[in-house]
PDB file of N, CA and C in Angstrom:
ATOM      1  N   MET A   1       0.836  -1.177   0.000  1.00  0.00           N
ATOM      2  CA  MET A   1       0.000   0.000   0.000  1.00  0.00           C
ATOM      3  C   MET A   1       0.884   1.244   0.000  1.00  0.00           C
ATOM      4  N   VAL A   2       0.381   2.332  -0.523  1.00  0.00           N
ATOM      5  CA  VAL A   2       1.123   3.579  -0.619  1.00  0.00           C
ATOM      6  C   VAL A   2       1.318   4.167   0.775  1.00  0.00           C
ATOM      7  N   ARG A   3       2.534   4.586   1.075  1.00  0.00           N
ATOM      8  CA  ARG A   3       2.796   5.212   2.369  1.00  0.00           C
ATOM      9  C   ARG A   3       2.111   6.560   2.421  1.00  0.00           C
ATOM     10  N   GLU A   4       1.639   6.900   3.600  1.00  0.00           N
ATOM     11  CA  GLU A   4       0.937   8.162   3.760  1.00  0.00           C
ATOM     12  C   GLU A   4       1.938   9.305   3.797  1.00  0.00           C
ATOM     13  N   ALA A   5       1.685  10.287   2.991  1.00  0.00           N
ATOM     14  CA  ALA A   5       2.507  11.489   2.962  1.00  0.00           C
ATOM     15  C   ALA A   5       1.574  12.669   3.196  1.00  0.00           C
ATOM     16  N   LYS A   6       2.148  13.834   3.340  1.00  0.00           N
ATOM     17  CA  LYS A   6       1.342  15.028   3.528  1.00  0.00           C
ATOM     18  C   LYS A   6       0.424  15.199   2.324  1.00  0.00           C
ATOM     19  N   LYS A   7      -0.840  15.393   2.598  1.00  0.00           N
ATOM     20  CA  LYS A   7      -1.833  15.509   1.525  1.00  0.00           C
ATOM     21  C   LYS A   7      -1.905  16.964   1.067  1.00  0.00           C
ATOM     22  N   THR A   8      -1.431  17.204  -0.151  1.00  0.00           N
ATOM     23  CA  THR A   8      -1.420  18.554  -0.694  1.00  0.00           C
ATOM     24  C   THR A   8      -2.292  18.689  -1.929  1.00  0.00           C
ATOM     25  N   GLU A   9      -2.754  17.569  -2.477  1.00  0.00           N
ATOM     26  CA  GLU A   9      -3.526  17.576  -3.710  1.00  0.00           C
ATOM     27  C   GLU A   9      -5.002  17.335  -3.409  1.00  0.00           C
ATOM     28  N   ARG A  10      -5.859  17.849  -4.303  1.00  0.00           N
ATOM     29  CA  ARG A  10      -7.299  17.632  -4.163  1.00  0.00           C
ATOM     30  C   ARG A  10      -7.793  16.811  -5.343  1.00  0.00           C
ATOM     31  N   LEU A  11      -8.789  16.000  -5.087  1.00  0.00           N
ATOM     32  CA  LEU A  11      -9.412  15.192  -6.114  1.00  0.00           C
ATOM     33  C   LEU A  11     -10.915  15.280  -5.885  1.00  0.00           C
ATOM     34  N   GLY A  12     -11.652  15.697  -6.897  1.00  0.00           N
ATOM     35  CA  GLY A  12     -13.097  15.833  -6.743  1.00  0.00           C
ATOM     36  C   GLY A  12     -13.839  14.885  -7.670  1.00  0.00           C
ATOM     37  N   LEU A  13     -15.037  14.473  -7.240  1.00  0.00           N
ATOM     38  CA  LEU A  13     -15.863  13.651  -8.107  1.00  0.00           C
ATOM     39  C   LEU A  13     -17.322  13.899  -7.789  1.00  0.00           C
ATOM     40  N   ARG A  14     -18.152  13.664  -8.768  1.00  0.00           N
ATOM     41  CA  ARG A  14     -19.590  13.820  -8.591  1.00  0.00           C
ATOM     42  C   ARG A  14     -20.217  12.448  -8.479  1.00  0.00           C
ATOM     43  N   VAL A  15     -21.192  12.332  -7.588  1.00  0.00           N
ATOM     44  CA  VAL A  15     -21.893  11.073  -7.379  1.00  0.00           C
ATOM     45  C   VAL A  15     -23.396  11.330  -7.352  1.00  0.00           C
ATOM     46  N   SER A  16     -24.153  10.268  -7.596  1.00  0.00           N
ATOM     47  CA  SER A  16     -25.609  10.378  -7.494  1.00  0.00           C
ATOM     48  C   SER A  16     -25.999  10.339  -6.021  1.00  0.00           C
ATOM     49  N   ALA A  17     -27.241  10.657  -5.746  1.00  0.00           N
ATOM     50  CA  ALA A  17     -27.730  10.635  -4.366  1.00  0.00           C
ATOM     51  C   ALA A  17     -27.627   9.224  -3.779  1.00  0.00           C
ATOM     52  N   SER A  18     -27.950   8.214  -4.578  1.00  0.00           N
ATOM     53  CA  SER A  18     -27.885   6.848  -4.059  1.00  0.00           C
ATOM     54  C   SER A  18     -26.435   6.413  -3.821  1.00  0.00           C
ATOM     55  N   GLN A  19     -25.523   6.813  -4.703  1.00  0.00           N
ATOM     56  CA  GLN A  19     -24.113   6.492  -4.498  1.00  0.00           C
ATOM     57  C   GLN A  19     -23.591   7.174  -3.228  1.00  0.00           C
ATOM     58  N   ASN A  20     -23.987   8.415  -3.035  1.00  0.00           N
ATOM     59  CA  ASN A  20     -23.588   9.166  -1.855  1.00  0.00           C
ATOM     60  C   ASN A  20     -24.098   8.472  -0.592  1.00  0.00           C
ATOM     61  N   ALA A  21     -25.336   8.019  -0.616  1.00  0.00           N
ATOM     62  CA  ALA A  21     -25.916   7.345   0.548  1.00  0.00           C
ATOM     63  C   ALA A  21     -25.165   6.061   0.867  1.00  0.00           C
ATOM     64  N   ILE A  22     -24.822   5.301  -0.160  1.00  0.00           N
ATOM     65  CA  ILE A  22     -24.085   4.051   0.047  1.00  0.00           C
ATOM     66  C   ILE A  22     -22.700   4.345   0.627  1.00  0.00           C
ATOM     67  N   LEU A  23     -22.000   5.322   0.060  1.00  0.00           N
ATOM     68  CA  LEU A  23     -20.669   5.666   0.557  1.00  0.00           C
ATOM     69  C   LEU A  23     -20.725   6.156   1.996  1.00  0.00           C
ATOM     70  N   ARG A  24     -21.711   6.964   2.316  1.00  0.00           N
ATOM     71  CA  ARG A  24     -21.850   7.457   3.687  1.00  0.00           C
ATOM     72  C   ARG A  24     -22.156   6.317   4.657  1.00  0.00           C
ATOM     73  N   ALA A  25     -23.056   5.423   4.263  1.00  0.00           N
ATOM     74  CA  ALA A  25     -23.406   4.297   5.137  1.00  0.00           C
ATOM     75  C   ALA A  25     -22.195   3.388   5.357  1.00  0.00           C
ATOM     76  N   ALA A  26     -21.455   3.117   4.291  1.00  0.00           N
ATOM     77  CA  ALA A  26     -20.291   2.240   4.398  1.00  0.00           C
ATOM     78  C   ALA A  26     -19.193   2.875   5.245  1.00  0.00           C
ATOM     79  N   SER A  27     -18.950   4.150   5.049  1.00  0.00           N
ATOM     80  CA  SER A  27     -17.906   4.814   5.833  1.00  0.00           C
ATOM     81  C   SER A  27     -18.312   4.901   7.298  1.00  0.00           C
ATOM     82  N   GLU A  28     -19.582   5.127   7.545  1.00  0.00           N
ATOM     83  CA  GLU A  28     -20.061   5.164   8.934  1.00  0.00           C
ATOM     84  C   GLU A  28     -19.921   3.785   9.585  1.00  0.00           C
ATOM     85  N   ALA A  29     -20.216   2.737   8.834  1.00  0.00           N
ATOM     86  CA  ALA A  29     -20.091   1.377   9.358  1.00  0.00           C
ATOM     87  C   ALA A  29     -18.645   1.056   9.733  1.00  0.00           C
ATOM     88  N   GLU A  30     -17.696   1.648   9.022  1.00  0.00           N
ATOM     89  CA  GLU A  30     -16.276   1.431   9.326  1.00  0.00           C
ATOM     90  C   GLU A  30     -15.729   2.453  10.313  1.00  0.00           C
ATOM     91  N   GLY A  31     -16.562   3.410  10.700  1.00  0.00           N
ATOM     92  CA  GLY A  31     -16.126   4.416  11.657  1.00  0.00           C
ATOM     93  C   GLY A  31     -15.107   5.378  11.101  1.00  0.00           C
ATOM     94  N   THR A  32     -15.257   5.724   9.838  1.00  0.00           N
ATOM     95  CA  THR A  32     -14.309   6.629   9.189  1.00  0.00           C
ATOM     96  C   THR A  32     -15.074   7.674   8.391  1.00  0.00           C
ATOM     97  N   SER A  33     -14.363   8.668   7.914  1.00  0.00           N
ATOM     98  CA  SER A  33     -15.000   9.685   7.084  1.00  0.00           C
ATOM     99  C   SER A  33     -15.196   9.150   5.667  1.00  0.00           C
ATOM    100  N   VAL A  34     -16.092   9.780   4.940  1.00  0.00           N
ATOM    101  CA  VAL A  34     -16.311   9.381   3.545  1.00  0.00           C
ATOM    102  C   VAL A  34     -15.017   9.562   2.757  1.00  0.00           C
ATOM    103  N   THR A  35     -14.324  10.647   2.992  1.00  0.00           N
ATOM    104  CA  THR A  35     -13.068  10.901   2.287  1.00  0.00           C
ATOM    105  C   THR A  35     -12.067   9.779   2.532  1.00  0.00           C
ATOM    106  N   ASP A  36     -11.861   9.408   3.791  1.00  0.00           N
ATOM    107  CA  ASP A  36     -10.906   8.338   4.094  1.00  0.00           C
ATOM    108  C   ASP A  36     -11.362   7.003   3.522  1.00  0.00           C
ATOM    109  N   PHE A  37     -12.663   6.742   3.598  1.00  0.00           N
ATOM    110  CA  PHE A  37     -13.211   5.492   3.073  1.00  0.00           C
ATOM    111  C   PHE A  37     -12.978   5.398   1.562  1.00  0.00           C
ATOM    112  N   VAL A  38     -13.370   6.443   0.839  1.00  0.00           N
ATOM    113  CA  VAL A  38     -13.226   6.438  -0.619  1.00  0.00           C
ATOM    114  C   VAL A  38     -11.752   6.366  -0.998  1.00  0.00           C
ATOM    115  N   LEU A  39     -10.913   7.117  -0.331  1.00  0.00           N
ATOM    116  CA  LEU A  39      -9.487   7.108  -0.647  1.00  0.00           C
ATOM    117  C   LEU A  39      -8.880   5.728  -0.415  1.00  0.00           C
ATOM    118  N   ARG A  40      -9.204   5.095   0.709  1.00  0.00           N
ATOM    119  CA  ARG A  40      -8.657   3.772   1.014  1.00  0.00           C
ATOM    120  C   ARG A  40      -9.020   2.768  -0.078  1.00  0.00           C
ATOM    121  N   TYR A  41     -10.300   2.716  -0.429  1.00  0.00           N
ATOM    122  CA  TYR A  41     -10.728   1.710  -1.394  1.00  0.00           C
ATOM    123  C   TYR A  41     -10.354   2.078  -2.833  1.00  0.00           C
ATOM    124  N   ALA A  42     -10.280   3.346  -3.142  1.00  0.00           N
ATOM    125  CA  ALA A  42      -9.829   3.745  -4.476  1.00  0.00           C
ATOM    126  C   ALA A  42      -8.355   3.408  -4.664  1.00  0.00           C
ATOM    127  N   LEU A  43      -7.544   3.653  -3.645  1.00  0.00           N
ATOM    128  CA  LEU A  43      -6.125   3.304  -3.734  1.00  0.00           C
ATOM    129  C   LEU A  43      -5.936   1.802  -3.845  1.00  0.00           C
ATOM    130  N   ARG A  44      -6.713   1.040  -3.086  1.00  0.00           N
ATOM    131  CA  ARG A  44      -6.607  -0.418  -3.152  1.00  0.00           C
ATOM    132  C   ARG A  44      -6.942  -0.901  -4.568  1.00  0.00           C
ATOM    133  N   ALA A  45      -8.009  -0.365  -5.154  1.00  0.00           N
ATOM    134  CA  ALA A  45      -8.389  -0.756  -6.510  1.00  0.00           C
ATOM    135  C   ALA A  45      -7.326  -0.346  -7.518  1.00  0.00           C
ATOM    136  N   ALA A  46      -6.755   0.835  -7.338  1.00  0.00           N
ATOM    137  CA  ALA A  46      -5.713   1.304  -8.255  1.00  0.00           C
ATOM    138  C   ALA A  46      -4.472   0.418  -8.159  1.00  0.00           C
ATOM    139  N   GLU A  47      -4.073   0.070  -6.945  1.00  0.00           N
ATOM    140  CA  GLU A  47      -2.897  -0.789  -6.769  1.00  0.00           C
ATOM    141  C   GLU A  47      -3.144  -2.168  -7.368  1.00  0.00           C
ATOM    142  N   ASP A  48      -4.349  -2.713  -7.158  1.00  0.00           N
ATOM    143  CA  ASP A  48      -4.686  -4.014  -7.745  1.00  0.00           C
ATOM    144  C   ASP A  48      -4.677  -3.941  -9.270  1.00  0.00           C
ATOM    145  N   GLY A  49      -5.226  -2.864  -9.806  1.00  0.00           N
ATOM    146  CA  GLY A  49      -5.254  -2.695 -11.257  1.00  0.00           C
ATOM    147  C   GLY A  49      -3.865  -2.613 -11.854  1.00  0.00           C
ATOM    148  N   LEU A  50      -2.982  -1.915 -11.180  1.00  0.00           N
ATOM    149  CA  LEU A  50      -1.604  -1.818 -11.676  1.00  0.00           C
ATOM    150  C   LEU A  50      -0.881  -3.149 -11.547  1.00  0.00           C
ATOM    151  N   ALA A  51      -1.140  -3.876 -10.474  1.00  0.00           N
ATOM    152  CA  ALA A  51      -0.481  -5.167 -10.276  1.00  0.00           C
ATOM    153  C   ALA A  51      -0.954  -6.203 -11.286  1.00  0.00           C
ATOM    154  N   ASP A  52      -2.159  -6.049 -11.779  1.00  0.00           N
ATOM    155  CA  ASP A  52      -2.733  -7.026 -12.710  1.00  0.00           C
ATOM    156  C   ASP A  52      -2.437  -6.723 -14.172  1.00  0.00           C
ATOM    157  N   ARG A  53      -1.620  -5.727 -14.415  1.00  0.00           N
ATOM    158  CA  ARG A  53      -1.316  -5.391 -15.806  1.00  0.00           C
ATOM    159  C   ARG A  53      -0.699  -6.577 -16.519  1.00  0.00           C
ATOM    160  N   ARG A  54      -1.128  -6.788 -17.734  1.00  0.00           N
ATOM    161  CA  ARG A  54      -0.596  -7.900 -18.521  1.00  0.00           C
ATOM    162  C   ARG A  54       0.406  -7.421 -19.572  1.00  0.00           C
ATOM    163  N   LEU A  55       0.454  -6.144 -19.805  1.00  0.00           N
ATOM    164  CA  LEU A  55       1.332  -5.579 -20.810  1.00  0.00           C
ATOM    165  C   LEU A  55       2.335  -4.665 -20.119  1.00  0.00           C
ATOM    166  N   PHE A  56       3.607  -4.972 -20.283  1.00  0.00           N
ATOM    167  CA  PHE A  56       4.654  -4.152 -19.707  1.00  0.00           C
ATOM    168  C   PHE A  56       5.498  -3.606 -20.843  1.00  0.00           C
ATOM    169  N   VAL A  57       5.663  -2.324 -20.871  1.00  0.00           N
ATOM    170  CA  VAL A  57       6.428  -1.679 -21.930  1.00  0.00           C
ATOM    171  C   VAL A  57       7.798  -1.324 -21.368  1.00  0.00           C
ATOM    172  N   LEU A  58       8.835  -1.811 -22.051  1.00  0.00           N
ATOM    173  CA  LEU A  58      10.205  -1.558 -21.624  1.00  0.00           C
ATOM    174  C   LEU A  58      11.001  -0.955 -22.770  1.00  0.00           C
ATOM    175  N   SER A  59      12.006  -0.180 -22.404  1.00  0.00           N
ATOM    176  CA  SER A  59      12.932   0.310 -23.421  1.00  0.00           C
ATOM    177  C   SER A  59      13.702  -0.897 -23.952  1.00  0.00           C
ATOM    178  N   SER A  60      14.370  -0.720 -25.069  1.00  0.00           N
ATOM    179  CA  SER A  60      15.142  -1.800 -25.684  1.00  0.00           C
ATOM    180  C   SER A  60      16.207  -2.330 -24.720  1.00  0.00           C
ATOM    181  N   ASP A  61      16.919  -1.433 -24.046  1.00  0.00           N
ATOM    182  CA  ASP A  61      17.966  -1.848 -23.106  1.00  0.00           C
ATOM    183  C   ASP A  61      17.387  -2.624 -21.931  1.00  0.00           C
ATOM    184  N   ARG A  62      16.290  -2.142 -21.389  1.00  0.00           N
ATOM    185  CA  ARG A  62      15.684  -2.830 -20.235  1.00  0.00           C
ATOM    186  C   ARG A  62      15.107  -4.176 -20.653  1.00  0.00           C
ATOM    187  N   PHE A  63      14.559  -4.254 -21.867  1.00  0.00           N
ATOM    188  CA  PHE A  63      14.040  -5.538 -22.338  1.00  0.00           C
ATOM    189  C   PHE A  63      15.178  -6.534 -22.505  1.00  0.00           C
ATOM    190  N   ASP A  64      16.292  -6.089 -23.064  1.00  0.00           N
ATOM    191  CA  ASP A  64      17.444  -6.973 -23.240  1.00  0.00           C
ATOM    192  C   ASP A  64      17.931  -7.503 -21.890  1.00  0.00           C
ATOM    193  N   SER A  65      17.957  -6.644 -20.882  1.00  0.00           N
ATOM    194  CA  SER A  65      18.359  -7.057 -19.539  1.00  0.00           C
ATOM    195  C   SER A  65      17.365  -8.064 -18.969  1.00  0.00           C
ATOM    196  N   PHE A  66      16.091  -7.805 -19.159  1.00  0.00           N
ATOM    197  CA  PHE A  66      15.041  -8.710 -18.696  1.00  0.00           C
ATOM    198  C   PHE A  66      15.161 -10.066 -19.382  1.00  0.00           C
ATOM    199  N   ALA A  67      15.320 -10.068 -20.695  1.00  0.00           N
ATOM    200  CA  ALA A  67      15.427 -11.309 -21.458  1.00  0.00           C
ATOM    201  C   ALA A  67      16.671 -12.101 -21.038  1.00  0.00           C
ATOM    202  N   ALA A  68      17.774 -11.412 -20.784  1.00  0.00           N
ATOM    203  CA  ALA A  68      18.998 -12.091 -20.360  1.00  0.00           C
ATOM    204  C   ALA A  68      18.793 -12.785 -19.013  1.00  0.00           C
ATOM    205  N   ARG A  69      18.083 -12.157 -18.114  1.00  0.00           N
ATOM    206  CA  ARG A  69      17.813 -12.775 -16.811  1.00  0.00           C
ATOM    207  C   ARG A  69      16.923 -14.000 -16.951  1.00  0.00           C
ATOM    208  N   LEU A  70      16.015 -13.978 -17.910  1.00  0.00           N
ATOM    209  CA  LEU A  70      15.159 -15.143 -18.138  1.00  0.00           C
ATOM    210  C   LEU A  70      15.966 -16.344 -18.618  1.00  0.00           C
ATOM    211  N   GLU A  71      17.078 -16.099 -19.274  1.00  0.00           N
ATOM    212  CA  GLU A  71      17.908 -17.168 -19.817  1.00  0.00           C
ATOM    213  C   GLU A  71      18.865 -17.764 -18.786  1.00  0.00           C
ATOM    214  N   LEU A  72      19.007 -17.131 -17.633  1.00  0.00           N
ATOM    215  CA  LEU A  72      19.901 -17.659 -16.604  1.00  0.00           C
ATOM    216  C   LEU A  72      19.363 -18.990 -16.082  1.00  0.00           C
ATOM    217  N   PRO A  73      20.255 -19.896 -15.687  1.00  0.00           N
ATOM    218  CA  PRO A  73      19.772 -21.174 -15.134  1.00  0.00           C
ATOM    219  C   PRO A  73      19.018 -20.931 -13.823  1.00  0.00           C
ATOM    220  N   ALA A  74      18.056 -21.788 -13.586  1.00  0.00           N
ATOM    221  CA  ALA A  74      17.269 -21.683 -12.356  1.00  0.00           C
ATOM    222  C   ALA A  74      18.160 -21.956 -11.152  1.00  0.00           C
ATOM    223  N   THR A  75      17.866 -21.283 -10.072  1.00  0.00           N
ATOM    224  CA  THR A  75      18.592 -21.485  -8.826  1.00  0.00           C
ATOM    225  C   THR A  75      17.717 -22.306  -7.894  1.00  0.00           C
ATOM    226  N   GLU A  76      18.267 -23.413  -7.388  1.00  0.00           N
ATOM    227  CA  GLU A  76      17.495 -24.232  -6.465  1.00  0.00           C
ATOM    228  C   GLU A  76      17.469 -23.570  -5.096  1.00  0.00           C
ATOM    229  N   ILE A  77      16.279 -23.539  -4.525  1.00  0.00           N
ATOM    230  CA  ILE A  77      16.094 -23.006  -3.179  1.00  0.00           C
ATOM    231  C   ILE A  77      15.560 -24.161  -2.339  1.00  0.00           C
ATOM    232  N   PRO A  78      16.444 -24.800  -1.554  1.00  0.00           N
ATOM    233  CA  PRO A  78      16.042 -26.011  -0.839  1.00  0.00           C
ATOM    234  C   PRO A  78      14.784 -25.865   0.011  1.00  0.00           C
ATOM    235  N   LYS A  79      14.657 -24.776   0.728  1.00  0.00           N
ATOM    236  CA  LYS A  79      13.475 -24.608   1.579  1.00  0.00           C
ATOM    237  C   LYS A  79      12.204 -24.477   0.735  1.00  0.00           C
ATOM    238  N   LEU A  80      12.302 -23.853  -0.426  1.00  0.00           N
ATOM    239  CA  LEU A  80      11.142 -23.754  -1.310  1.00  0.00           C
ATOM    240  C   LEU A  80      10.788 -25.126  -1.868  1.00  0.00           C
ATOM    241  N   ARG A  81      11.809 -25.918  -2.245  1.00  0.00           N
ATOM    242  CA  ARG A  81      11.565 -27.276  -2.736  1.00  0.00           C
ATOM    243  C   ARG A  81      10.866 -28.102  -1.665  1.00  0.00           C
ATOM    244  N   ASP A  82      11.364 -27.989  -0.411  1.00  0.00           N
ATOM    245  CA  ASP A  82      10.746 -28.728   0.695  1.00  0.00           C
ATOM    246  C   ASP A  82       9.292 -28.312   0.896  1.00  0.00           C
ATOM    247  N   LEU A  83       9.048 -27.030   0.838  1.00  0.00           N
ATOM    248  CA  LEU A  83       7.684 -26.530   1.003  1.00  0.00           C
ATOM    249  C   LEU A  83       6.755 -27.070  -0.074  1.00  0.00           C
ATOM    250  N   MET A  84       7.225 -27.061  -1.310  1.00  0.00           N
ATOM    251  CA  MET A  84       6.375 -27.471  -2.427  1.00  0.00           C
ATOM    252  C   MET A  84       6.181 -28.986  -2.494  1.00  0.00           C
ATOM    253  N   THR A  85       7.039 -29.756  -1.833  1.00  0.00           N
ATOM    254  CA  THR A  85       6.911 -31.215  -1.880  1.00  0.00           C
ATOM    255  C   THR A  85       6.358 -31.807  -0.590  1.00  0.00           C
ATOM    256  N   SER A  86       6.189 -30.996   0.443  1.00  0.00           N
ATOM    257  CA  SER A  86       5.653 -31.525   1.705  1.00  0.00           C
ATOM    258  C   SER A  86       4.123 -31.573   1.638  1.00  0.00           C
ATOM    259  N   PRO A  87       3.516 -32.500   2.391  1.00  0.00           N
ATOM    260  CA  PRO A  87       2.054 -32.612   2.386  1.00  0.00           C
ATOM    261  C   PRO A  87       1.396 -31.338   2.919  1.00  0.00           C
ATOM    262  N   THR A  88       0.216 -31.069   2.420  1.00  0.00           N
ATOM    263  CA  THR A  88      -0.552 -29.895   2.886  1.00  0.00           C
ATOM    264  C   THR A  88      -1.731 -30.392   3.709  1.00  0.00           C
ATOM    265  N   VAL A  89      -2.456 -29.473   4.290  1.00  0.00           N
ATOM    266  CA  VAL A  89      -3.647 -29.852   5.061  1.00  0.00           C
ATOM    267  C   VAL A  89      -4.677 -30.519   4.172  1.00  0.00           C
ATOM    268  N   LEU A  90      -4.629 -30.247   2.886  1.00  0.00           N
ATOM    269  CA  LEU A  90      -5.564 -30.874   1.950  1.00  0.00           C
ATOM    270  C   LEU A  90      -5.182 -32.329   1.695  1.00  0.00           C
ATOM    271  N   ASP A  91      -3.902 -32.663   1.862  1.00  0.00           N
ATOM    272  CA  ASP A  91      -3.444 -34.027   1.670  1.00  0.00           C
ATOM    273  C   ASP A  91      -3.758 -34.916   2.872  1.00  0.00           C
ATOM    274  N   GLU A  92      -3.839 -34.298   4.048  1.00  0.00           N
ATOM    275  CA  GLU A  92      -4.088 -35.050   5.278  1.00  0.00           C
ATOM    276  C   GLU A  92      -5.590 -35.222   5.458  1.00  0.00           C
ATOM    277  N   SER A  93      -6.030 -36.481   5.572  1.00  0.00           N
ATOM    278  CA  SER A  93      -7.457 -36.697   5.811  1.00  0.00           C
ATOM    279  C   SER A  93      -7.712 -37.752   6.836  1.00  0.00           C
TER     280      SER A  93
END
C-alpha cells in the first residue's frame, strides 16, 4: 500500500444521491470519514489494477536485460523445494 505522505492535492468527483448514501453508510459502518473510506478503497483498486497489468512496456535496453535474466539457469532453493513437496492440510485426511 502507498505510504501516507502530507496531503497537498485535491481530487473531486460527482456522485448520485444513491451512491452518496451508500458511501456514507459504508464509511459510517467502518467508523471513518467518507473521504478516508473512498481514498482507502480507491487506492486499493488502483494498486490491484496496476499489479494485474498484462502488458509491460520496456525500453530496448531494459528488455534486453530482462530477457537475459530469463535465460539464466534456475537457482534451487532447498526450503522452497521442501515446502512445495511436503504434504498440505488438503493431503491429510
